[in-house]
N, C-alpha and C. Protein backbone atom coordinates (compact mmCIF):
# COMPACT_ATOMS: atom_id res chain seq x y z
N MET A 1 -54.84 66.44 -25.06
CA MET A 1 -54.25 66.02 -24.60
C MET A 1 -52.90 65.75 -23.75
N TYR A 2 -52.30 66.56 -24.71
CA TYR A 2 -50.98 66.82 -23.93
C TYR A 2 -51.09 67.93 -22.76
N ARG A 3 -51.79 68.66 -23.05
CA ARG A 3 -51.85 69.80 -22.07
C ARG A 3 -52.51 69.32 -20.81
N PHE A 4 -53.53 68.47 -20.85
CA PHE A 4 -54.23 67.55 -19.70
C PHE A 4 -52.83 66.89 -18.99
N VAL A 5 -52.13 66.20 -19.39
CA VAL A 5 -50.97 65.47 -19.14
C VAL A 5 -50.26 66.27 -18.43
N GLN A 6 -49.67 67.27 -18.57
CA GLN A 6 -48.73 68.26 -18.33
C GLN A 6 -49.15 69.07 -17.38
N LYS A 7 -50.56 69.68 -16.84
CA LYS A 7 -51.34 69.64 -16.06
C LYS A 7 -51.37 69.04 -14.87
N THR A 8 -51.54 67.45 -15.13
CA THR A 8 -51.59 66.53 -14.20
C THR A 8 -50.23 66.33 -13.89
N VAL A 9 -49.04 66.28 -14.20
CA VAL A 9 -48.25 66.11 -13.85
C VAL A 9 -47.39 67.17 -13.06
N LEU A 10 -47.93 68.33 -13.39
CA LEU A 10 -47.38 69.65 -12.83
C LEU A 10 -48.46 69.65 -11.15
N ALA A 11 -49.56 69.02 -11.12
CA ALA A 11 -50.36 69.37 -9.96
C ALA A 11 -49.96 68.04 -9.45
N ILE A 12 -49.73 66.88 -9.43
CA ILE A 12 -49.06 65.91 -8.60
C ILE A 12 -47.49 66.41 -8.01
N THR A 13 -46.50 67.01 -8.97
CA THR A 13 -45.35 67.40 -8.42
C THR A 13 -45.66 68.39 -7.53
N ALA A 14 -46.52 69.25 -7.51
CA ALA A 14 -46.59 70.54 -6.60
C ALA A 14 -47.30 69.72 -5.16
N ALA A 15 -47.91 68.76 -5.37
CA ALA A 15 -48.88 68.30 -4.33
C ALA A 15 -47.43 67.61 -3.44
N LEU A 16 -46.88 67.00 -4.14
CA LEU A 16 -45.72 66.01 -3.45
C LEU A 16 -44.75 66.91 -2.87
N SER A 17 -44.28 67.80 -3.14
CA SER A 17 -43.46 68.80 -2.69
C SER A 17 -43.83 69.42 -1.39
N VAL A 18 -45.31 69.88 -1.34
CA VAL A 18 -45.71 70.53 -0.23
C VAL A 18 -45.88 69.65 0.97
N GLY A 19 -46.26 67.95 0.58
CA GLY A 19 -46.25 67.30 1.19
C GLY A 19 -45.10 66.46 2.03
N CYS A 20 -43.90 66.91 1.29
CA CYS A 20 -42.74 66.53 1.70
C CYS A 20 -42.22 67.47 2.66
N MET A 21 -42.60 68.92 2.29
CA MET A 21 -42.30 70.21 3.04
C MET A 21 -42.87 70.05 4.55
N SER A 22 -43.94 69.64 4.27
CA SER A 22 -44.99 69.53 5.63
C SER A 22 -44.68 68.23 6.36
N LEU A 23 -43.84 67.01 5.93
CA LEU A 23 -43.56 66.08 6.19
C LEU A 23 -42.37 66.49 6.82
N ARG A 24 -41.35 66.83 6.48
CA ARG A 24 -40.07 67.41 7.03
C ARG A 24 -40.44 68.25 8.43
N ALA A 25 -41.33 68.86 8.37
CA ALA A 25 -41.46 69.74 9.56
C ALA A 25 -41.85 68.95 10.71
N GLN A 26 -42.81 67.67 10.64
CA GLN A 26 -42.96 66.95 11.24
C GLN A 26 -41.99 65.56 11.98
N ILE A 27 -40.92 65.73 11.32
CA ILE A 27 -39.63 64.62 11.66
C ILE A 27 -39.15 65.26 13.06
N PRO A 28 -39.32 64.54 13.99
CA PRO A 28 -38.63 65.00 15.58
C PRO A 28 -36.83 65.30 15.02
N ALA A 29 -36.45 66.55 15.74
CA ALA A 29 -35.45 67.02 15.26
C ALA A 29 -34.48 67.39 16.42
N SER A 30 -33.39 67.40 16.71
CA SER A 30 -32.82 67.78 17.82
C SER A 30 -32.77 69.26 17.48
N VAL A 31 -32.16 69.83 19.06
CA VAL A 31 -32.13 71.32 18.79
C VAL A 31 -30.70 71.89 17.76
N GLU A 32 -29.83 70.77 18.14
CA GLU A 32 -28.37 70.93 17.10
C GLU A 32 -28.83 71.33 15.81
N SER A 33 -29.45 70.57 15.44
CA SER A 33 -29.75 70.40 14.07
C SER A 33 -30.88 71.31 13.40
N SER A 34 -31.40 71.89 14.21
CA SER A 34 -32.23 72.58 13.68
C SER A 34 -31.92 74.29 13.42
N GLY A 35 -32.94 75.30 12.40
CA GLY A 35 -31.82 76.44 11.99
C GLY A 35 -32.43 77.59 12.86
N LEU A 36 -32.39 77.35 14.31
CA LEU A 36 -32.80 78.32 15.28
C LEU A 36 -31.60 79.16 15.79
N PRO A 37 -31.79 80.14 16.04
CA PRO A 37 -30.72 81.00 16.37
C PRO A 37 -30.29 80.59 17.77
N VAL A 38 -28.91 80.78 18.09
CA VAL A 38 -28.04 80.22 19.38
C VAL A 38 -28.55 80.73 20.40
N ALA A 39 -29.34 81.68 20.79
CA ALA A 39 -30.01 82.09 21.91
C ALA A 39 -31.53 81.23 22.08
N ALA A 40 -31.95 80.82 21.10
CA ALA A 40 -33.21 80.09 21.03
C ALA A 40 -32.84 78.63 21.82
N LYS A 41 -31.60 78.06 20.93
CA LYS A 41 -31.05 76.79 21.13
C LYS A 41 -30.45 76.92 22.75
N SER A 42 -29.97 77.60 22.95
CA SER A 42 -29.47 77.57 24.24
C SER A 42 -30.75 77.66 25.70
N PHE A 43 -31.52 78.36 25.27
CA PHE A 43 -32.90 78.18 26.07
C PHE A 43 -33.60 76.94 25.99
N ILE A 44 -33.73 76.50 24.83
CA ILE A 44 -34.23 74.91 24.81
C ILE A 44 -33.41 74.35 25.55
N LYS A 45 -32.10 73.88 25.62
CA LYS A 45 -31.34 72.96 26.11
C LYS A 45 -31.40 73.34 27.51
N LYS A 46 -31.68 74.50 28.19
CA LYS A 46 -31.60 74.97 29.72
C LYS A 46 -32.76 74.42 30.04
N HIS A 47 -33.86 74.61 29.66
CA HIS A 47 -35.46 74.20 30.11
C HIS A 47 -35.90 72.90 29.85
N PHE A 48 -35.43 72.43 28.57
CA PHE A 48 -36.12 71.38 28.10
C PHE A 48 -35.28 70.40 27.52
N GLU A 49 -34.20 70.03 28.55
CA GLU A 49 -33.24 68.97 28.06
C GLU A 49 -34.03 67.76 28.02
N GLY A 50 -33.61 66.90 26.55
CA GLY A 50 -34.14 65.61 26.40
C GLY A 50 -35.33 65.28 25.53
N LYS A 51 -35.58 66.86 25.61
CA LYS A 51 -37.13 67.16 24.50
C LYS A 51 -36.41 67.20 23.03
N THR A 52 -37.28 66.53 22.16
CA THR A 52 -37.02 66.88 20.50
C THR A 52 -38.18 67.97 20.08
N ILE A 53 -37.63 68.34 18.85
CA ILE A 53 -38.52 69.35 18.39
C ILE A 53 -39.51 68.42 17.39
N VAL A 54 -40.84 68.48 17.47
CA VAL A 54 -41.51 67.75 16.75
C VAL A 54 -42.49 68.33 15.52
N LYS A 55 -42.41 69.70 15.81
CA LYS A 55 -43.17 70.81 14.77
C LYS A 55 -42.21 72.07 14.85
N TYR A 56 -41.90 72.13 13.64
CA TYR A 56 -40.93 73.44 13.32
C TYR A 56 -41.54 74.45 12.20
N GLU A 57 -41.40 75.55 12.78
CA GLU A 57 -42.10 76.35 11.29
C GLU A 57 -41.33 78.13 11.72
N LYS A 58 -40.69 78.45 10.73
CA LYS A 58 -39.66 79.42 10.81
C LYS A 58 -40.94 80.55 9.68
N LYS A 59 -41.23 81.50 10.58
CA LYS A 59 -42.43 82.35 9.23
C LYS A 59 -41.35 83.55 8.73
N PHE A 60 -41.76 83.57 7.65
CA PHE A 60 -41.11 84.37 6.97
C PHE A 60 -40.82 85.74 6.72
N TRP A 61 -42.29 86.34 6.73
CA TRP A 61 -42.09 88.00 7.17
C TRP A 61 -41.54 88.49 8.68
N SER A 62 -42.04 87.62 9.56
CA SER A 62 -41.46 88.21 11.22
C SER A 62 -40.03 87.49 11.15
N ASN A 63 -39.82 86.85 10.37
CA ASN A 63 -38.45 85.94 10.78
C ASN A 63 -38.60 85.40 11.91
N SER A 64 -39.69 84.83 12.27
CA SER A 64 -39.48 84.17 13.87
C SER A 64 -39.79 82.93 13.94
N TYR A 65 -39.97 81.94 15.14
CA TYR A 65 -39.94 80.71 14.94
C TYR A 65 -41.10 79.96 15.59
N GLU A 66 -42.19 79.06 15.24
CA GLU A 66 -42.84 78.41 16.26
C GLU A 66 -42.51 77.02 16.20
N LEU A 67 -42.28 76.23 17.51
CA LEU A 67 -42.18 75.16 18.06
C LEU A 67 -43.03 74.61 19.01
N GLU A 68 -43.11 73.04 18.37
CA GLU A 68 -43.71 72.06 19.61
C GLU A 68 -42.60 71.22 19.62
N LEU A 69 -42.72 70.83 21.16
CA LEU A 69 -41.62 69.72 21.75
C LEU A 69 -42.44 68.39 21.70
N SER A 70 -41.75 67.49 22.41
CA SER A 70 -42.22 66.24 22.34
C SER A 70 -43.02 66.12 23.46
N ASP A 71 -42.70 67.12 24.53
CA ASP A 71 -43.72 66.67 25.67
C ASP A 71 -45.24 67.65 25.31
N GLY A 72 -44.98 68.54 24.23
CA GLY A 72 -46.56 69.17 24.13
C GLY A 72 -46.26 70.56 24.44
N THR A 73 -45.00 70.82 24.58
CA THR A 73 -44.85 72.70 25.05
C THR A 73 -44.62 72.97 23.86
N ASP A 74 -45.27 73.96 23.60
CA ASP A 74 -45.41 75.61 22.62
C ASP A 74 -44.36 76.58 22.89
N LEU A 75 -43.57 76.77 22.19
CA LEU A 75 -42.74 77.75 21.79
C LEU A 75 -42.47 78.77 20.89
N ASP A 76 -42.56 80.13 20.98
CA ASP A 76 -42.04 80.82 19.87
C ASP A 76 -40.87 82.07 20.27
N PHE A 77 -40.06 81.91 19.16
CA PHE A 77 -38.97 83.00 19.53
C PHE A 77 -39.06 83.99 18.26
N ASP A 78 -38.60 85.05 18.61
CA ASP A 78 -38.25 86.04 17.51
C ASP A 78 -36.92 85.82 17.09
N SER A 79 -36.76 86.79 15.73
CA SER A 79 -35.61 86.53 15.24
C SER A 79 -34.29 86.33 15.79
N GLN A 80 -33.92 86.92 16.96
CA GLN A 80 -33.04 86.86 17.69
C GLN A 80 -32.51 85.73 18.76
N GLY A 81 -33.95 84.93 18.82
CA GLY A 81 -34.02 83.45 19.46
C GLY A 81 -34.24 84.07 20.73
N LYS A 82 -35.04 85.35 21.39
CA LYS A 82 -35.52 85.50 22.45
C LYS A 82 -37.00 84.49 22.55
N CYS A 83 -37.32 84.21 23.59
CA CYS A 83 -38.44 83.58 23.50
C CYS A 83 -39.56 84.45 23.84
N THR A 84 -40.53 84.51 23.07
CA THR A 84 -41.59 85.17 22.95
C THR A 84 -43.08 84.76 23.73
N GLU A 85 -43.07 83.33 23.46
CA GLU A 85 -43.96 82.94 24.05
C GLU A 85 -43.62 81.27 24.45
N VAL A 86 -44.34 80.67 25.81
CA VAL A 86 -44.07 79.28 25.88
C VAL A 86 -45.52 79.12 26.62
N SER A 87 -46.16 77.80 26.24
CA SER A 87 -47.59 77.25 26.61
C SER A 87 -47.19 75.98 27.03
N ALA A 88 -47.39 75.88 28.28
CA ALA A 88 -47.30 74.28 28.95
C ALA A 88 -48.03 73.31 28.15
N PRO A 89 -47.90 71.80 28.26
CA PRO A 89 -48.68 70.93 27.50
C PRO A 89 -50.14 71.17 28.21
N ASP A 90 -50.89 70.33 27.54
CA ASP A 90 -52.53 70.28 28.06
C ASP A 90 -52.61 69.96 29.63
N ARG A 91 -52.97 70.84 30.04
CA ARG A 91 -53.58 70.22 31.53
C ARG A 91 -52.54 70.77 32.47
N GLY A 92 -50.76 71.21 31.73
CA GLY A 92 -49.99 71.16 32.70
C GLY A 92 -49.68 72.86 32.82
N VAL A 93 -48.62 72.87 34.02
CA VAL A 93 -48.15 74.18 34.25
C VAL A 93 -46.35 74.32 34.05
N LEU A 94 -46.14 75.49 33.77
CA LEU A 94 -44.77 75.67 33.57
C LEU A 94 -43.55 75.52 34.73
N PRO A 95 -42.52 75.19 34.82
CA PRO A 95 -41.78 75.07 36.08
C PRO A 95 -41.40 76.46 36.40
N ALA A 96 -41.34 76.66 37.53
CA ALA A 96 -41.16 77.97 38.29
C ALA A 96 -39.63 78.32 37.90
N VAL A 97 -38.71 77.38 37.74
CA VAL A 97 -37.38 77.68 37.33
C VAL A 97 -37.65 78.66 35.52
N LEU A 98 -38.51 77.94 35.22
CA LEU A 98 -38.69 78.64 33.78
C LEU A 98 -39.46 80.05 33.75
N VAL A 99 -40.64 79.83 34.76
CA VAL A 99 -40.95 81.13 35.08
C VAL A 99 -39.90 82.38 35.28
N ARG A 100 -39.18 82.13 36.46
CA ARG A 100 -38.18 83.26 36.89
C ARG A 100 -37.39 83.30 35.70
N ASP A 101 -36.86 82.69 34.69
CA ASP A 101 -36.01 82.87 33.84
C ASP A 101 -36.78 83.95 32.78
N MET A 102 -37.77 84.00 32.74
CA MET A 102 -38.61 84.51 31.64
C MET A 102 -39.22 85.98 31.89
N LEU A 103 -39.52 85.98 33.31
CA LEU A 103 -40.14 87.05 34.08
C LEU A 103 -39.37 88.22 34.71
N PRO A 104 -39.42 89.32 34.47
CA PRO A 104 -38.80 90.36 35.59
C PRO A 104 -38.70 89.56 36.99
N ALA A 105 -37.83 90.28 38.00
CA ALA A 105 -37.95 89.94 39.11
C ALA A 105 -39.40 90.17 40.02
N GLU A 106 -39.50 91.36 39.62
CA GLU A 106 -40.78 92.18 40.33
C GLU A 106 -41.97 91.42 39.97
N ALA A 107 -42.38 90.99 38.68
CA ALA A 107 -43.47 90.22 38.29
C ALA A 107 -43.14 88.99 39.03
N CYS A 108 -42.37 88.11 39.21
CA CYS A 108 -41.83 87.00 39.93
C CYS A 108 -42.49 87.09 41.46
N ARG A 109 -41.99 87.93 42.09
CA ARG A 109 -42.31 88.73 43.44
C ARG A 109 -43.92 88.54 43.20
N THR A 110 -44.70 89.41 42.37
CA THR A 110 -46.27 89.40 42.41
C THR A 110 -46.48 88.27 42.64
N LEU A 111 -46.38 87.22 41.74
CA LEU A 111 -46.94 86.05 41.39
C LEU A 111 -46.78 84.82 42.78
N SER A 112 -45.36 85.52 43.09
CA SER A 112 -45.23 84.31 44.20
C SER A 112 -46.09 85.03 45.52
N ASP A 113 -46.19 86.14 45.57
CA ASP A 113 -47.11 86.53 46.74
C ASP A 113 -48.32 86.33 46.58
N GLN A 114 -49.00 86.14 45.25
CA GLN A 114 -50.36 85.91 45.03
C GLN A 114 -50.42 84.20 45.04
N GLY A 115 -49.10 83.70 45.10
CA GLY A 115 -49.66 82.34 45.09
C GLY A 115 -49.83 81.31 43.86
N ALA A 116 -49.50 82.24 42.69
CA ALA A 116 -49.30 82.11 41.29
C ALA A 116 -48.29 81.33 40.56
N LEU A 117 -47.18 81.60 41.51
CA LEU A 117 -45.81 80.91 40.64
C LEU A 117 -45.88 79.88 40.13
N ASP A 118 -46.38 78.95 40.99
CA ASP A 118 -46.29 77.43 40.50
C ASP A 118 -47.38 77.02 39.74
N SER A 119 -48.27 78.09 39.42
CA SER A 119 -49.50 77.60 38.43
C SER A 119 -49.72 78.25 37.16
N VAL A 120 -48.63 78.67 36.73
CA VAL A 120 -48.22 79.62 35.47
C VAL A 120 -48.73 78.69 34.26
N GLU A 121 -49.78 78.56 33.18
CA GLU A 121 -49.78 77.63 31.89
C GLU A 121 -49.32 78.23 30.89
N GLU A 122 -48.69 79.66 30.78
CA GLU A 122 -48.46 80.08 29.48
C GLU A 122 -48.21 81.89 29.87
N ILE A 123 -47.17 82.05 29.03
CA ILE A 123 -46.32 83.38 29.34
C ILE A 123 -46.12 83.83 27.70
N GLN A 124 -46.72 85.17 27.54
CA GLN A 124 -46.70 85.67 26.12
C GLN A 124 -45.46 87.40 26.44
N PHE A 125 -44.61 87.65 25.47
CA PHE A 125 -44.06 88.88 25.68
C PHE A 125 -44.01 89.89 24.71
N HIS A 126 -44.16 90.73 24.76
CA HIS A 126 -44.51 91.92 23.90
C HIS A 126 -43.58 93.11 24.06
N PRO A 127 -42.51 93.16 23.21
CA PRO A 127 -41.71 94.51 23.79
C PRO A 127 -42.41 95.66 23.99
N VAL A 128 -43.34 96.00 23.40
CA VAL A 128 -44.20 97.45 23.98
C VAL A 128 -45.10 97.05 24.88
N LYS A 129 -45.94 95.96 25.02
CA LYS A 129 -46.86 95.77 25.79
C LYS A 129 -46.71 95.26 27.02
N GLY A 130 -45.63 94.27 26.99
CA GLY A 130 -45.12 93.77 28.05
C GLY A 130 -45.47 92.19 28.12
N TYR A 131 -45.99 91.81 29.25
CA TYR A 131 -46.18 90.34 29.70
C TYR A 131 -47.78 89.86 29.60
N LYS A 132 -47.97 89.14 29.41
CA LYS A 132 -48.94 88.40 29.68
C LYS A 132 -48.98 87.02 30.32
N VAL A 133 -49.45 86.45 31.58
CA VAL A 133 -49.16 85.62 31.93
C VAL A 133 -50.34 84.81 32.74
N GLU A 134 -50.58 83.98 31.70
CA GLU A 134 -51.88 82.95 32.07
C GLU A 134 -51.42 81.95 33.41
N VAL A 135 -52.52 81.85 34.20
CA VAL A 135 -52.21 81.02 35.23
C VAL A 135 -53.57 80.09 35.52
N ARG A 136 -53.67 78.82 36.08
CA ARG A 136 -54.67 78.11 36.58
C ARG A 136 -55.15 78.15 38.11
N HIS A 137 -56.28 78.87 37.94
CA HIS A 137 -56.48 79.51 39.33
C HIS A 137 -58.18 79.84 39.20
N ASP A 138 -58.87 79.46 40.55
CA ASP A 138 -60.19 79.31 40.21
C ASP A 138 -60.84 80.92 39.99
N ARG A 139 -60.29 81.91 40.58
CA ARG A 139 -61.00 83.21 40.00
C ARG A 139 -60.09 84.51 39.34
N ILE A 140 -58.70 83.74 39.26
CA ILE A 140 -58.15 84.69 37.95
C ILE A 140 -57.66 84.13 36.82
N ASP A 141 -57.88 84.76 35.66
CA ASP A 141 -57.63 84.28 34.33
C ASP A 141 -55.95 84.25 34.09
N ASP A 142 -55.55 85.91 34.21
CA ASP A 142 -54.17 86.12 33.93
C ASP A 142 -53.80 87.38 34.55
N TYR A 143 -52.43 87.54 34.41
CA TYR A 143 -51.92 88.43 35.07
C TYR A 143 -51.26 89.63 33.98
N ARG A 144 -51.30 90.82 33.86
CA ARG A 144 -50.71 91.63 33.00
C ARG A 144 -49.42 92.09 33.57
N PHE A 145 -48.26 92.37 32.95
CA PHE A 145 -47.17 93.14 33.32
C PHE A 145 -46.39 94.05 32.28
N ASN A 146 -45.61 95.26 32.96
CA ASN A 146 -45.33 95.83 31.79
C ASN A 146 -43.79 95.06 31.72
N ALA A 147 -42.89 95.82 30.84
CA ALA A 147 -41.67 95.22 30.23
C ALA A 147 -40.90 95.09 31.78
N ALA A 148 -41.21 96.20 32.50
CA ALA A 148 -40.36 96.44 33.58
C ALA A 148 -40.54 95.15 34.79
N GLY A 149 -41.85 94.82 34.75
CA GLY A 149 -42.32 93.71 35.29
C GLY A 149 -43.36 94.05 36.41
N GLN A 150 -43.72 95.37 36.36
CA GLN A 150 -44.81 96.18 37.37
C GLN A 150 -46.14 95.76 36.75
N MET A 151 -47.07 95.03 37.76
CA MET A 151 -48.34 94.54 37.38
C MET A 151 -49.12 95.72 36.71
N THR A 152 -49.81 95.44 35.85
CA THR A 152 -50.63 96.84 35.15
C THR A 152 -52.39 96.35 35.15
N ARG A 153 -52.33 95.06 35.32
CA ARG A 153 -53.56 94.60 35.21
C ARG A 153 -54.00 92.85 35.62
N VAL A 154 -55.25 92.39 36.23
CA VAL A 154 -55.36 91.33 36.62
C VAL A 154 -57.01 90.96 36.27
N THR A 155 -57.09 90.04 35.41
CA THR A 155 -58.22 89.49 34.79
C THR A 155 -59.01 88.68 35.54
N ARG A 156 -60.00 88.81 35.71
CA ARG A 156 -60.11 87.70 36.94
C ARG A 156 -61.72 86.58 35.84
N ASP A 157 -61.89 85.53 36.33
CA ASP A 157 -62.93 84.57 35.97
C ASP A 157 -64.16 85.21 36.63
N ASP A 158 -65.18 85.52 35.82
CA ASP A 158 -66.44 85.67 36.29
C ASP A 158 -67.68 84.52 35.77
């Protein structure tokens, strides 16, 4: 009987601690109070003034951060605070100012020439692979750019 009570108390304690940790991640927080690197905090303040963090997760192995803001924007940052991914809220697009800040000038020129600069839904950055830019367009799904901003591929909706 003692072992049963001991295991039950241990299970309840574990469940409560996990519940408290996940609840802590759901509490809206300001950028200042988060454990993000300074570069990430500056990026959020610059592009998302007045938005709060509603979901915050630090990845232990990669030392990266995943955030969701109060407007539904999803952001990923590396350990240095560089934004590696940003996704607009559902059915939304990213502001052109943000797109210009994240992408190299040549990639911005290409998107502007294609008429896609104002229809960017998501940007992903990988140091080796470069940029993947998803757009809201009736025929084009995404553009791929190398790290220098030169277009390497266009994926079309068929």
